[in-house]
């Protein structure tokens, strides 16, 4: 009798593992998308800061010329 229940148990465990792996892959995909979005936002922020620094340097150069 234990021989008949063991394959069912193994099959049930295998299905649970497969479900867990699929869920993990989905979560990893979401994490990757969030990481990419955060990275893009950081790059955009750095570009804005550089632009502001350039503008301030230009203003300072203008003031120094006056």
N, C-alpha and C. Protein backbone atom coordinates (compact mmCIF):
# COMPACT_ATOMS: atom_id res chain seq x y z
N UNK A 1 0.79 -1.19 0.00
CA UNK A 1 0.00 0.00 0.00
C UNK A 1 0.85 1.27 0.00
N UNK A 2 1.93 1.25 0.75
CA UNK A 2 2.80 2.42 0.76
C UNK A 2 3.44 2.63 -0.61
N UNK A 3 3.58 1.55 -1.39
CA UNK A 3 4.13 1.68 -2.73
C UNK A 3 3.19 2.50 -3.63
N UNK A 4 1.88 2.31 -3.47
CA UNK A 4 0.92 3.04 -4.29
C UNK A 4 0.84 4.51 -3.87
N UNK A 5 0.95 4.79 -2.59
CA UNK A 5 0.82 6.17 -2.14
C UNK A 5 2.11 6.97 -2.38
N UNK A 6 3.25 6.30 -2.44
CA UNK A 6 4.51 7.01 -2.62
C UNK A 6 4.57 7.75 -3.96
N UNK A 7 4.22 7.10 -5.10
CA UNK A 7 4.25 7.86 -6.35
C UNK A 7 3.30 9.06 -6.32
N UNK A 8 2.14 8.90 -5.69
CA UNK A 8 1.21 10.02 -5.59
C UNK A 8 1.83 11.13 -4.77
N UNK A 9 2.47 10.78 -3.68
CA UNK A 9 3.13 11.76 -2.84
C UNK A 9 4.27 12.44 -3.60
N UNK A 10 5.06 11.65 -4.30
CA UNK A 10 6.16 12.20 -5.09
C UNK A 10 5.61 13.11 -6.18
N UNK A 11 4.54 12.67 -6.83
CA UNK A 11 3.93 13.49 -7.88
C UNK A 11 3.39 14.79 -7.29
N UNK A 12 2.74 14.67 -6.14
CA UNK A 12 2.21 15.88 -5.49
C UNK A 12 3.32 16.85 -5.12
N UNK A 13 4.42 16.32 -4.60
CA UNK A 13 5.57 17.16 -4.25
C UNK A 13 6.16 17.79 -5.51
N UNK A 14 6.27 17.00 -6.57
CA UNK A 14 6.81 17.52 -7.82
C UNK A 14 5.95 18.66 -8.36
N UNK A 15 4.63 18.52 -8.27
CA UNK A 15 3.73 19.58 -8.72
C UNK A 15 3.89 20.83 -7.87
N UNK A 16 4.04 20.64 -6.55
CA UNK A 16 4.24 21.79 -5.66
C UNK A 16 5.56 22.49 -5.98
N UNK A 17 6.59 21.70 -6.25
CA UNK A 17 7.90 22.29 -6.60
C UNK A 17 7.79 23.06 -7.90
N UNK A 18 7.11 22.47 -8.89
CA UNK A 18 6.94 23.16 -10.17
C UNK A 18 6.18 24.48 -9.98
N UNK A 19 5.12 24.44 -9.19
CA UNK A 19 4.36 25.66 -8.91
C UNK A 19 5.21 26.70 -8.21
N UNK A 20 6.01 26.26 -7.25
CA UNK A 20 6.90 27.17 -6.54
C UNK A 20 7.92 27.79 -7.49
N UNK A 21 8.48 26.97 -8.39
CA UNK A 21 9.46 27.47 -9.35
C UNK A 21 8.83 28.50 -10.29
N UNK A 22 7.62 28.24 -10.76
CA UNK A 22 6.93 29.18 -11.64
C UNK A 22 6.64 30.49 -10.92
N UNK A 23 6.21 30.38 -9.67
CA UNK A 23 5.94 31.57 -8.87
C UNK A 23 7.23 32.37 -8.65
N UNK A 24 8.31 31.67 -8.38
CA UNK A 24 9.60 32.33 -8.17
C UNK A 24 10.05 33.04 -9.44
N UNK A 25 9.88 32.39 -10.60
CA UNK A 25 10.24 33.03 -11.87
C UNK A 25 9.42 34.29 -12.10
N UNK A 26 8.14 34.23 -11.81
CA UNK A 26 7.27 35.40 -11.99
C UNK A 26 7.71 36.54 -11.07
N UNK A 27 8.01 36.20 -9.82
CA UNK A 27 8.47 37.23 -8.88
C UNK A 27 9.80 37.82 -9.33
N UNK A 28 10.68 36.98 -9.85
CA UNK A 28 11.98 37.47 -10.32
C UNK A 28 11.78 38.40 -11.50
N UNK A 29 10.84 38.07 -12.39
CA UNK A 29 10.55 38.96 -13.52
C UNK A 29 10.07 40.31 -13.04
N UNK A 30 9.21 40.32 -12.04
CA UNK A 30 8.72 41.58 -11.47
C UNK A 30 9.87 42.35 -10.84
N UNK A 31 10.72 41.65 -10.11
CA UNK A 31 11.88 42.29 -9.48
C UNK A 31 12.79 42.89 -10.53
N UNK A 32 13.03 42.15 -11.61
CA UNK A 32 13.89 42.66 -12.69
C UNK A 32 13.30 43.92 -13.30
N UNK A 33 11.99 43.94 -13.51
CA UNK A 33 11.34 45.13 -14.08
C UNK A 33 11.45 46.32 -13.14
N UNK A 34 11.25 46.09 -11.85
CA UNK A 34 11.37 47.17 -10.87
C UNK A 34 12.80 47.69 -10.80
N UNK A 35 13.76 46.79 -10.84
CA UNK A 35 15.17 47.19 -10.82
C UNK A 35 15.50 48.03 -12.04
N UNK A 36 15.01 47.61 -13.19
CA UNK A 36 15.25 48.36 -14.42
C UNK A 36 14.61 49.74 -14.35
N UNK A 37 13.40 49.81 -13.83
CA UNK A 37 12.71 51.10 -13.70
C UNK A 37 13.46 52.01 -12.74
N UNK A 38 13.92 51.46 -11.62
CA UNK A 38 14.70 52.26 -10.67
C UNK A 38 16.00 52.73 -11.29
N UNK A 39 16.62 51.88 -12.08
CA UNK A 39 17.86 52.24 -12.75
C UNK A 39 17.62 53.37 -13.75
N UNK A 40 16.55 53.26 -14.52
CA UNK A 40 16.20 54.32 -15.48
C UNK A 40 15.93 55.63 -14.76
N UNK A 41 15.21 55.56 -13.65
CA UNK A 41 14.91 56.77 -12.88
C UNK A 41 16.18 57.40 -12.34
N UNK A 42 17.12 56.58 -11.89
CA UNK A 42 18.39 57.09 -11.38
C UNK A 42 19.18 57.76 -12.49
N UNK A 43 19.24 57.14 -13.65
CA UNK A 43 19.95 57.72 -14.79
C UNK A 43 19.33 59.07 -15.16
N UNK A 44 18.00 59.13 -15.19
CA UNK A 44 17.33 60.39 -15.51
C UNK A 44 17.62 61.46 -14.47
N UNK A 45 17.63 61.07 -13.20
CA UNK A 45 17.92 62.02 -12.13
C UNK A 45 19.35 62.56 -12.25
N UNK A 46 20.29 61.68 -12.53
CA UNK A 46 21.68 62.11 -12.70
C UNK A 46 21.80 63.08 -13.87
N UNK A 47 21.10 62.80 -14.95
CA UNK A 47 21.13 63.70 -16.11
C UNK A 47 20.57 65.07 -15.75
N UNK A 48 19.50 65.10 -14.96
CA UNK A 48 18.92 66.37 -14.53
C UNK A 48 19.90 67.14 -13.65
N UNK A 49 20.54 66.45 -12.72
CA UNK A 49 21.50 67.11 -11.83
C UNK A 49 22.67 67.66 -12.64
N UNK A 50 23.17 66.89 -13.59
CA UNK A 50 24.28 67.37 -14.43
C UNK A 50 23.86 68.62 -15.21
N UNK A 51 22.64 68.61 -15.71
CA UNK A 51 22.13 69.76 -16.45
C UNK A 51 22.06 70.99 -15.54
N UNK A 52 21.60 70.79 -14.32
CA UNK A 52 21.52 71.90 -13.37
C UNK A 52 22.91 72.42 -13.01
N UNK A 53 23.86 71.52 -12.82
CA UNK A 53 25.23 71.93 -12.51
C UNK A 53 25.80 72.73 -13.68
N UNK A 54 25.58 72.27 -14.89
CA UNK A 54 26.06 72.99 -16.09
C UNK A 54 25.45 74.39 -16.14
N UNK A 55 24.16 74.48 -15.88
CA UNK A 55 23.48 75.78 -15.89
C UNK A 55 24.08 76.70 -14.82
N UNK A 56 24.34 76.18 -13.64
CA UNK A 56 24.93 76.99 -12.57
C UNK A 56 26.36 77.41 -12.93
N UNK A 57 27.12 76.52 -13.55
CA UNK A 57 28.48 76.87 -13.99
C UNK A 57 28.43 77.98 -15.03
N UNK A 58 27.49 77.90 -15.96
CA UNK A 58 27.33 78.94 -16.98
C UNK A 58 27.00 80.28 -16.33
N UNK A 59 26.10 80.26 -15.36
CA UNK A 59 25.74 81.50 -14.66
C UNK A 59 26.94 82.07 -13.92
N UNK A 60 27.70 81.20 -13.25
CA UNK A 60 28.88 81.64 -12.52
C UNK A 60 29.90 82.25 -13.47
N UNK A 61 30.11 81.63 -14.62
CA UNK A 61 31.03 82.19 -15.62
C UNK A 61 30.56 83.55 -16.09
N UNK A 62 29.27 83.71 -16.28
CA UNK A 62 28.71 85.00 -16.70
C UNK A 62 28.96 86.05 -15.62
N UNK A 63 28.71 85.69 -14.38
CA UNK A 63 28.92 86.63 -13.26
C UNK A 63 30.40 87.00 -13.16
N UNK A 64 31.29 86.03 -13.33
CA UNK A 64 32.73 86.31 -13.25
C UNK A 64 33.17 87.25 -14.37
N UNK A 65 32.55 87.16 -15.53
CA UNK A 65 32.90 88.04 -16.65
C UNK A 65 32.45 89.47 -16.40
N UNK A 66 31.38 89.61 -15.64
CA UNK A 66 30.83 90.96 -15.37
C UNK A 66 31.70 91.58 -14.33
